[in-house]
Amino acid sequence: MHLSNMSAVVTGGASGLGLACARQLAQRGVHVVIADLNQQRGAAAVAEIGSQACYVQADVCDPAQMARVFDAAQALGVLRALVHCAGVGGAVRLVEKDGQPGSLEKFESVVRINLVGTFNTLRLAAARMANNEVIDGERGACVLTASVAAFDGQIGQIPYAAAKAGIVGMTLVAARDLASKFIRVCTIAPGLFDTPLLARLPDNIKASLAASVPHPARLGHPDEFALTALHILENPMLNGETIRLDGAIRMAPR
């Protein structure tokens, strides 16, 4: 896919991995719609990127709100790309320290935002892309975000790992489903990246996490995630694949 004369939607695009993707897409001349719940960060992202970007506040689980996101993208150009980065963390133990069962409500919330939100966003994007003209054998491409927790979930990560494993499981099926529509689907499973989520940790903890990565022994840069996302969009043979982007790390149990 040639990243020109088109629009793209980036969910979670107001910070971290999503912002890096939005920035690089805009630098290629793509009109980018940033979908994010955080209005302050969304406005700041648009101010940084400039006229190639706009912001729409949206919950990825809400069909009507996400429809407005895709309407905005189609008003800017033909929607041919989705980079879905929106998601949340959340810890739940099966048996908590006080002996009580882990929170079903928190489990459901994390799974809903990460997994149901991915399905909702993907189905709405695909329905729009399916009406596009076929160019170079494609109508569009979608990049989803999982995590190495899908494979190496740590103690306390049950809801997050379950949701991200669901995205990995969704990827090949979605790619097969949308093949007849000439739409590709791939997923990136990042390891430890320098995002706002990790920024809240003390420096010594971040340094310890960075040292646990075999090579390069550091946290990943959001721009490296964006490079991978854009390569997926541009490479027509990448389809139905989950790519670990993790410096060869394999997470310990805790």
C-alpha atoms as a PDB file:
ATOM      1  CA  MET A   1       0.000   0.000   0.000  1.00  0.00           C
ATOM      2  CA  HIS A   2       1.285   3.426  -0.917  1.00  0.00           C
ATOM      3  CA  LEU A   3       0.818   5.759   2.036  1.00  0.00           C
ATOM      4  CA  SER A   4      -0.508   8.711   0.084  1.00  0.00           C
ATOM      5  CA  ASN A   5      -3.855  10.191  -0.964  1.00  0.00           C
ATOM      6  CA  MET A   6      -5.614   8.414   1.886  1.00  0.00           C
ATOM      7  CA  SER A   7      -6.760   8.693   5.480  1.00  0.00           C
ATOM      8  CA  ALA A   8      -5.979   6.543   8.503  1.00  0.00           C
ATOM      9  CA  VAL A   9      -7.462   6.061  11.944  1.00  0.00           C
ATOM     10  CA  VAL A  10      -5.154   5.628  14.929  1.00  0.00           C
ATOM     11  CA  THR A  11      -6.863   4.647  18.170  1.00  0.00           C
ATOM     12  CA  GLY A  12      -5.048   5.510  21.366  1.00  0.00           C
ATOM     13  CA  GLY A  13      -3.298   8.036  19.140  1.00  0.00           C
ATOM     14  CA  ALA A  14      -2.935  10.801  21.705  1.00  0.00           C
ATOM     15  CA  SER A  15       0.100   9.292  23.454  1.00  0.00           C
ATOM     16  CA  GLY A  16       2.695   6.530  23.450  1.00  0.00           C
ATOM     17  CA  LEU A  17       2.643   3.983  20.646  1.00  0.00           C
ATOM     18  CA  GLY A  18      -0.401   5.490  18.966  1.00  0.00           C
ATOM     19  CA  LEU A  19       1.009   9.009  18.897  1.00  0.00           C
ATOM     20  CA  ALA A  20       4.224   7.732  17.309  1.00  0.00           C
ATOM     21  CA  CYS A  21       2.160   6.012  14.600  1.00  0.00           C
ATOM     22  CA  ALA A  22       0.015   9.102  14.005  1.00  0.00           C
ATOM     23  CA  ARG A  23       3.122  11.259  13.750  1.00  0.00           C
ATOM     24  CA  GLN A  24       4.864   9.001  11.219  1.00  0.00           C
ATOM     25  CA  LEU A  25       1.735   8.554   9.111  1.00  0.00           C
ATOM     26  CA  ALA A  26       1.263  12.310   8.936  1.00  0.00           C
ATOM     27  CA  GLN A  27       4.896  12.741   7.932  1.00  0.00           C
ATOM     28  CA  ARG A  28       4.137  10.485   4.955  1.00  0.00           C
ATOM     29  CA  GLY A  29       1.289  12.765   3.913  1.00  0.00           C
ATOM     30  CA  VAL A  30      -1.537  10.630   5.304  1.00  0.00           C
ATOM     31  CA  HIS A  31      -4.541  12.386   6.845  1.00  0.00           C
ATOM     32  CA  VAL A  32      -4.799  10.958  10.357  1.00  0.00           C
ATOM     33  CA  VAL A  33      -7.770  10.842  12.694  1.00  0.00           C
ATOM     34  CA  ILE A  34      -6.697  10.312  16.301  1.00  0.00           C
ATOM     35  CA  ALA A  35      -9.304   8.508  18.388  1.00  0.00           C
ATOM     36  CA  ASP A  36      -8.685   8.742  22.118  1.00  0.00           C
ATOM     37  CA  LEU A  37     -10.603   9.382  25.324  1.00  0.00           C
ATOM     38  CA  ASN A  38      -8.140  11.958  26.682  1.00  0.00           C
ATOM     39  CA  GLN A  39      -9.170  15.340  25.253  1.00  0.00           C
ATOM     40  CA  GLN A  40      -6.175  17.224  26.618  1.00  0.00           C
ATOM     41  CA  ARG A  41      -3.690  14.808  25.089  1.00  0.00           C
ATOM     42  CA  GLY A  42      -5.700  14.636  21.878  1.00  0.00           C
ATOM     43  CA  ALA A  43      -5.558  18.404  21.451  1.00  0.00           C
ATOM     44  CA  ALA A  44      -1.834  18.395  22.209  1.00  0.00           C
ATOM     45  CA  ALA A  45      -1.221  15.645  19.643  1.00  0.00           C
ATOM     46  CA  VAL A  46      -3.006  17.598  16.915  1.00  0.00           C
ATOM     47  CA  ALA A  47      -1.113  20.765  17.854  1.00  0.00           C
ATOM     48  CA  GLU A  48       2.161  18.838  17.514  1.00  0.00           C
ATOM     49  CA  ILE A  49       1.357  17.023  14.261  1.00  0.00           C
ATOM     50  CA  GLY A  50      -0.385  19.894  12.509  1.00  0.00           C
ATOM     51  CA  SER A  51      -2.972  20.091   9.768  1.00  0.00           C
ATOM     52  CA  GLN A  52      -2.537  16.452   8.706  1.00  0.00           C
ATOM     53  CA  ALA A  53      -4.256  15.324  11.919  1.00  0.00           C
ATOM     54  CA  CYS A  54      -7.542  15.789  13.708  1.00  0.00           C
ATOM     55  CA  TYR A  55      -8.867  14.456  17.000  1.00  0.00           C
ATOM     56  CA  VAL A  56     -12.170  12.752  17.801  1.00  0.00           C
ATOM     57  CA  GLN A  57     -12.922  11.758  21.375  1.00  0.00           C
ATOM     58  CA  ALA A  58     -14.145   8.168  21.363  1.00  0.00           C
ATOM     59  CA  ASP A  59     -14.503   5.017  23.409  1.00  0.00           C
ATOM     60  CA  VAL A  60     -13.414   2.095  21.220  1.00  0.00           C
ATOM     61  CA  CYS A  61     -16.220  -0.031  22.678  1.00  0.00           C
ATOM     62  CA  ASP A  62     -18.923   2.451  21.633  1.00  0.00           C
ATOM     63  CA  PRO A  63     -20.222   1.829  18.080  1.00  0.00           C
ATOM     64  CA  ALA A  64     -21.727   5.293  17.665  1.00  0.00           C
ATOM     65  CA  GLN A  65     -18.622   7.106  18.867  1.00  0.00           C
ATOM     66  CA  MET A  66     -16.367   5.018  16.643  1.00  0.00           C
ATOM     67  CA  ALA A  67     -18.697   5.600  13.687  1.00  0.00           C
ATOM     68  CA  ARG A  68     -18.017   9.321  14.141  1.00  0.00           C
ATOM     69  CA  VAL A  69     -14.296   8.586  14.057  1.00  0.00           C
ATOM     70  CA  PHE A  70     -14.579   6.789  10.731  1.00  0.00           C
ATOM     71  CA  ASP A  71     -16.899   9.470   9.356  1.00  0.00           C
ATOM     72  CA  ALA A  72     -14.200  12.037  10.144  1.00  0.00           C
ATOM     73  CA  ALA A  73     -11.563   9.924   8.405  1.00  0.00           C
ATOM     74  CA  GLN A  74     -13.648   9.478   5.273  1.00  0.00           C
ATOM     75  CA  ALA A  75     -14.265  13.222   5.157  1.00  0.00           C
ATOM     76  CA  LEU A  76     -10.488  13.694   4.874  1.00  0.00           C
ATOM     77  CA  GLY A  77      -9.754  11.011   2.280  1.00  0.00           C
ATOM     78  CA  VAL A  78     -10.270   7.374   1.398  1.00  0.00           C
ATOM     79  CA  LEU A  79      -9.910   5.310   4.579  1.00  0.00           C
ATOM     80  CA  ARG A  80      -7.293   2.659   3.866  1.00  0.00           C
ATOM     81  CA  ALA A  81      -5.465   2.187   7.163  1.00  0.00           C
ATOM     82  CA  LEU A  82      -6.273   1.416  10.778  1.00  0.00           C
ATOM     83  CA  VAL A  83      -3.685   1.276  13.557  1.00  0.00           C
ATOM     84  CA  HIS A  84      -5.452   0.177  16.719  1.00  0.00           C
ATOM     85  CA  CYS A  85      -3.376   0.958  19.819  1.00  0.00           C
ATOM     86  CA  ALA A  86      -6.060   1.770  22.385  1.00  0.00           C
ATOM     87  CA  GLY A  87      -6.033  -0.406  25.477  1.00  0.00           C
ATOM     88  CA  VAL A  88      -5.612  -0.516  29.236  1.00  0.00           C
ATOM     89  CA  GLY A  89      -3.741  -2.571  31.788  1.00  0.00           C
ATOM     90  CA  GLY A  90      -5.134  -4.003  34.980  1.00  0.00           C
ATOM     91  CA  ALA A  91      -4.072  -6.525  37.607  1.00  0.00           C
ATOM     92  CA  VAL A  92      -6.314  -9.248  39.022  1.00  0.00           C
ATOM     93  CA  ARG A  93      -5.262 -12.242  41.097  1.00  0.00           C
ATOM     94  CA  LEU A  94      -7.417 -15.359  41.169  1.00  0.00           C
ATOM     95  CA  VAL A  95      -7.244 -15.246  44.967  1.00  0.00           C
ATOM     96  CA  GLU A  96      -6.490 -11.840  46.447  1.00  0.00           C
ATOM     97  CA  LYS A  97      -4.286 -11.248  49.506  1.00  0.00           C
ATOM     98  CA  ASP A  98      -7.330 -11.105  51.754  1.00  0.00           C
ATOM     99  CA  GLY A  99      -8.423 -14.542  50.539  1.00  0.00           C
ATOM    100  CA  GLN A 100     -11.296 -13.218  48.450  1.00  0.00           C
ATOM    101  CA  PRO A 101     -11.781 -14.282  44.816  1.00  0.00           C
ATOM    102  CA  GLY A 102     -10.364 -11.933  42.213  1.00  0.00           C
ATOM    103  CA  SER A 103     -12.629  -9.184  40.874  1.00  0.00           C
ATOM    104  CA  LEU A 104     -14.899 -10.378  38.078  1.00  0.00           C
ATOM    105  CA  GLU A 105     -15.876  -6.776  37.356  1.00  0.00           C
ATOM    106  CA  LYS A 106     -12.274  -5.684  36.802  1.00  0.00           C
ATOM    107  CA  PHE A 107     -11.594  -8.745  34.657  1.00  0.00           C
ATOM    108  CA  GLU A 108     -14.612  -7.973  32.492  1.00  0.00           C
ATOM    109  CA  SER A 109     -13.650  -4.298  32.186  1.00  0.00           C
ATOM    110  CA  VAL A 110     -10.093  -5.006  31.022  1.00  0.00           C
ATOM    111  CA  VAL A 111     -11.243  -7.677  28.567  1.00  0.00           C
ATOM    112  CA  ARG A 112     -14.006  -5.440  27.245  1.00  0.00           C
ATOM    113  CA  ILE A 113     -11.755  -2.469  26.518  1.00  0.00           C
ATOM    114  CA  ASN A 114      -8.872  -4.484  25.080  1.00  0.00           C
ATOM    115  CA  LEU A 115     -10.618  -7.323  23.242  1.00  0.00           C
ATOM    116  CA  VAL A 116     -14.188  -6.208  22.599  1.00  0.00           C
ATOM    117  CA  GLY A 117     -12.874  -2.744  21.730  1.00  0.00           C
ATOM    118  CA  THR A 118     -10.531  -4.304  19.178  1.00  0.00           C
ATOM    119  CA  PHE A 119     -13.324  -6.308  17.573  1.00  0.00           C
ATOM    120  CA  ASN A 120     -15.633  -3.283  17.463  1.00  0.00           C
ATOM    121  CA  THR A 121     -12.979  -1.057  15.898  1.00  0.00           C
ATOM    122  CA  LEU A 122     -11.877  -3.688  13.389  1.00  0.00           C
ATOM    123  CA  ARG A 123     -15.389  -4.557  12.209  1.00  0.00           C
ATOM    124  CA  LEU A 124     -16.326  -0.905  11.695  1.00  0.00           C
ATOM    125  CA  ALA A 125     -13.087  -0.118   9.865  1.00  0.00           C
ATOM    126  CA  ALA A 126     -13.411  -3.172   7.627  1.00  0.00           C
ATOM    127  CA  ALA A 127     -16.988  -2.320   6.664  1.00  0.00           C
ATOM    128  CA  ARG A 128     -15.840   1.119   5.490  1.00  0.00           C
ATOM    129  CA  MET A 129     -12.762  -0.194   3.689  1.00  0.00           C
ATOM    130  CA  ALA A 130     -14.783  -2.876   1.897  1.00  0.00           C
ATOM    131  CA  ASN A 131     -16.344  -0.143  -0.257  1.00  0.00           C
ATOM    132  CA  ASN A 132     -12.991   1.241  -1.422  1.00  0.00           C
ATOM    133  CA  GLU A 133     -11.669   0.936  -4.942  1.00  0.00           C
ATOM    134  CA  VAL A 134      -9.081  -1.848  -5.209  1.00  0.00           C
ATOM    135  CA  ILE A 135      -5.640  -0.351  -5.810  1.00  0.00           C
ATOM    136  CA  ASP A 136      -2.643  -2.646  -6.343  1.00  0.00           C
ATOM    137  CA  GLY A 137      -4.760  -5.553  -5.128  1.00  0.00           C
ATOM    138  CA  GLU A 138      -5.797  -3.911  -1.859  1.00  0.00           C
ATOM    139  CA  ARG A 139      -8.621  -1.960  -0.310  1.00  0.00           C
ATOM    140  CA  GLY A 140      -7.013  -1.443   3.079  1.00  0.00           C
ATOM    141  CA  ALA A 141      -4.917  -2.805   5.922  1.00  0.00           C
ATOM    142  CA  CYS A 142      -5.378  -2.984   9.687  1.00  0.00           C
ATOM    143  CA  VAL A 143      -2.726  -3.203  12.395  1.00  0.00           C
ATOM    144  CA  LEU A 144      -3.830  -4.404  15.828  1.00  0.00           C
ATOM    145  CA  THR A 145      -1.883  -4.297  19.094  1.00  0.00           C
ATOM    146  CA  ALA A 146      -1.438  -7.283  21.376  1.00  0.00           C
ATOM    147  CA  SER A 147       1.431  -7.749  23.846  1.00  0.00           C
ATOM    148  CA  VAL A 148       4.057 -10.292  24.771  1.00  0.00           C
ATOM    149  CA  ALA A 149       1.735 -10.892  27.734  1.00  0.00           C
ATOM    150  CA  ALA A 150      -0.390 -12.869  25.278  1.00  0.00           C
ATOM    151  CA  PHE A 151       2.385 -15.486  25.366  1.00  0.00           C
ATOM    152  CA  ASP A 152       4.294 -14.756  28.605  1.00  0.00           C
ATOM    153  CA  GLY A 153       1.665 -13.360  30.949  1.00  0.00           C
ATOM    154  CA  GLN A 154       2.929 -12.596  34.424  1.00  0.00           C
ATOM    155  CA  ILE A 155       1.226 -13.262  37.745  1.00  0.00           C
ATOM    156  CA  GLY A 156      -1.601 -10.763  38.153  1.00  0.00           C
ATOM    157  CA  GLN A 157      -1.995 -10.187  34.427  1.00  0.00           C
ATOM    158  CA  ILE A 158      -4.850 -12.620  33.867  1.00  0.00           C
ATOM    159  CA  PRO A 159      -7.333 -10.127  32.353  1.00  0.00           C
ATOM    160  CA  TYR A 160      -4.709  -8.314  30.286  1.00  0.00           C
ATOM    161  CA  ALA A 161      -3.031 -11.515  29.068  1.00  0.00           C
ATOM    162  CA  ALA A 162      -6.391 -13.107  28.253  1.00  0.00           C
ATOM    163  CA  ALA A 163      -7.496 -10.088  26.240  1.00  0.00           C
ATOM    164  CA  LYS A 164      -4.218  -9.778  24.355  1.00  0.00           C
ATOM    165  CA  ALA A 165      -4.208 -13.529  23.638  1.00  0.00           C
ATOM    166  CA  GLY A 166      -7.688 -13.020  22.221  1.00  0.00           C
ATOM    167  CA  ILE A 167      -6.330 -10.409  19.820  1.00  0.00           C
ATOM    168  CA  VAL A 168      -3.604 -12.812  18.701  1.00  0.00           C
ATOM    169  CA  GLY A 169      -6.256 -15.474  18.143  1.00  0.00           C
ATOM    170  CA  MET A 170      -8.391 -13.017  16.221  1.00  0.00           C
ATOM    171  CA  THR A 171      -5.647 -12.014  13.796  1.00  0.00           C
ATOM    172  CA  LEU A 172      -5.433 -14.967  11.408  1.00  0.00           C
ATOM    173  CA  VAL A 173      -9.192 -15.499  11.457  1.00  0.00           C
ATOM    174  CA  ALA A 174      -9.791 -11.832  10.654  1.00  0.00           C
ATOM    175  CA  ALA A 175      -7.245 -11.914   7.847  1.00  0.00           C
ATOM    176  CA  ARG A 176      -8.931 -14.958   6.329  1.00  0.00           C
ATOM    177  CA  ASP A 177     -12.354 -13.415   6.793  1.00  0.00           C
ATOM    178  CA  LEU A 178     -11.362 -10.180   5.056  1.00  0.00           C
ATOM    179  CA  ALA A 179      -9.242 -11.728   2.313  1.00  0.00           C
ATOM    180  CA  SER A 180     -12.192 -11.716  -0.071  1.00  0.00           C
ATOM    181  CA  LYS A 181     -12.530  -7.975   0.600  1.00  0.00           C
ATOM    182  CA  PHE A 182      -8.809  -7.410  -0.181  1.00  0.00           C
ATOM    183  CA  ILE A 183      -8.173  -6.127   3.359  1.00  0.00           C
ATOM    184  CA  ARG A 184      -5.145  -7.297   5.362  1.00  0.00           C
ATOM    185  CA  VAL A 185      -4.907  -7.706   9.141  1.00  0.00           C
ATOM    186  CA  CYS A 186      -1.746  -8.088  11.232  1.00  0.00           C
ATOM    187  CA  THR A 187      -0.923  -7.661  14.902  1.00  0.00           C
ATOM    188  CA  ILE A 188       2.136  -6.342  16.727  1.00  0.00           C
ATOM    189  CA  ALA A 189       2.918  -7.824  20.155  1.00  0.00           C
ATOM    190  CA  PRO A 190       5.247  -5.288  21.800  1.00  0.00           C
ATOM    191  CA  GLY A 191       7.442  -6.049  24.766  1.00  0.00           C
ATOM    192  CA  LEU A 192       8.677  -3.386  27.182  1.00  0.00           C
ATOM    193  CA  PHE A 193       8.264   0.042  25.611  1.00  0.00           C
ATOM    194  CA  ASP A 194       8.894   3.517  26.964  1.00  0.00           C
ATOM    195  CA  THR A 195       5.277   4.679  27.109  1.00  0.00           C
ATOM    196  CA  PRO A 196       3.294   6.813  29.593  1.00  0.00           C
ATOM    197  CA  LEU A 197       2.290   3.596  31.372  1.00  0.00           C
ATOM    198  CA  LEU A 198       5.926   2.820  32.247  1.00  0.00           C
ATOM    199  CA  ALA A 199       6.789   6.478  32.760  1.00  0.00           C
ATOM    200  CA  ARG A 200       4.973   6.368  36.086  1.00  0.00           C
ATOM    201  CA  LEU A 201       7.446   3.829  37.442  1.00  0.00           C
ATOM    202  CA  PRO A 202      10.521   4.849  39.481  1.00  0.00           C
ATOM    203  CA  ASP A 203      13.744   5.179  37.507  1.00  0.00           C
ATOM    204  CA  ASN A 204      15.351   2.184  39.212  1.00  0.00           C
ATOM    205  CA  ILE A 205      12.425  -0.058  38.240  1.00  0.00           C
ATOM    206  CA  LYS A 206      12.545   1.162  34.641  1.00  0.00           C
ATOM    207  CA  ALA A 207      16.296   0.535  34.546  1.00  0.00           C
ATOM    208  CA  SER A 208      15.754  -2.996  35.841  1.00  0.00           C
ATOM    209  CA  LEU A 209      13.101  -3.667  33.202  1.00  0.00           C
ATOM    210  CA  ALA A 210      15.356  -2.311  30.477  1.00  0.00           C
ATOM    211  CA  ALA A 211      18.244  -4.537  31.593  1.00  0.00           C
ATOM    212  CA  SER A 212      15.995  -7.599  31.313  1.00  0.00           C
ATOM    213  CA  VAL A 213      15.767  -7.200  27.533  1.00  0.00           C
ATOM    214  CA  PRO A 214      18.437  -9.401  25.883  1.00  0.00           C
ATOM    215  CA  HIS A 215      19.267  -7.066  22.984  1.00  0.00           C
ATOM    216  CA  PRO A 216      19.014  -4.161  22.776  1.00  0.00           C
ATOM    217  CA  ALA A 217      19.101  -3.958  26.584  1.00  0.00           C
ATOM    218  CA  ARG A 218      16.724  -1.030  26.859  1.00  0.00           C
ATOM    219  CA  LEU A 219      13.079  -0.146  26.632  1.00  0.00           C
ATOM    220  CA  GLY A 220      11.653   0.023  23.135  1.00  0.00           C
ATOM    221  CA  HIS A 221      11.010   3.421  21.581  1.00  0.00           C
ATOM    222  CA  PRO A 222       7.460   4.187  20.383  1.00  0.00           C
ATOM    223  CA  ASP A 223       8.923   5.204  17.013  1.00  0.00           C
ATOM    224  CA  GLU A 224      10.195   1.623  16.609  1.00  0.00           C
ATOM    225  CA  PHE A 225       6.655   0.355  17.065  1.00  0.00           C
ATOM    226  CA  ALA A 226       5.475   2.899  14.486  1.00  0.00           C
ATOM    227  CA  LEU A 227       8.145   1.785  12.014  1.00  0.00           C
ATOM    228  CA  THR A 228       6.776  -1.754  12.284  1.00  0.00           C
ATOM    229  CA  ALA A 229       3.167  -0.617  11.915  1.00  0.00           C
ATOM    230  CA  LEU A 230       3.941   1.399   8.796  1.00  0.00           C
ATOM    231  CA  HIS A 231       5.933  -1.467   7.313  1.00  0.00           C
ATOM    232  CA  ILE A 232       2.922  -3.749   7.770  1.00  0.00           C
ATOM    233  CA  LEU A 233       0.727  -1.205   5.992  1.00  0.00           C
ATOM    234  CA  GLU A 234       3.201  -0.897   3.130  1.00  0.00           C
ATOM    235  CA  ASN A 235       4.114  -4.583   2.673  1.00  0.00           C
ATOM    236  CA  PRO A 236       1.292  -6.396   0.831  1.00  0.00           C
ATOM    237  CA  MET A 237       2.567  -9.857   1.767  1.00  0.00           C
ATOM    238  CA  LEU A 238       2.226  -9.304   5.494  1.00  0.00           C
ATOM    239  CA  ASN A 239      -1.143 -10.716   6.453  1.00  0.00           C
ATOM    240  CA  GLY A 240      -2.583 -12.789   9.286  1.00  0.00           C
ATOM    241  CA  GLU A 241       0.633 -12.556  11.291  1.00  0.00           C
ATOM    242  CA  THR A 242       1.438 -11.528  14.853  1.00  0.00           C
ATOM    243  CA  ILE A 243       4.895 -10.002  15.122  1.00  0.00           C
ATOM    244  CA  ARG A 244       6.691  -9.945  18.475  1.00  0.00           C
ATOM    245  CA  LEU A 245       8.568  -6.673  18.846  1.00  0.00           C
ATOM    246  CA  ASP A 246      10.425  -7.290  22.060  1.00  0.00           C
ATOM    247  CA  GLY A 247      14.238  -7.494  21.781  1.00  0.00           C
ATOM    248  CA  ALA A 248      13.978 -11.290  22.369  1.00  0.00           C
ATOM    249  CA  ILE A 249      12.580 -10.906  25.879  1.00  0.00           C
ATOM    250  CA  ARG A 250      10.602 -13.723  27.488  1.00  0.00           C
ATOM    251  CA  MET A 251       8.818 -12.484  30.577  1.00  0.00           C
ATOM    252  CA  ALA A 252       9.408 -14.193  33.919  1.00  0.00           C
ATOM    253  CA  PRO A 253       6.428 -15.303  36.039  1.00  0.00           C
ATOM    254  CA  ARG A 254       6.663 -12.132  38.149  1.00  0.00           C
END
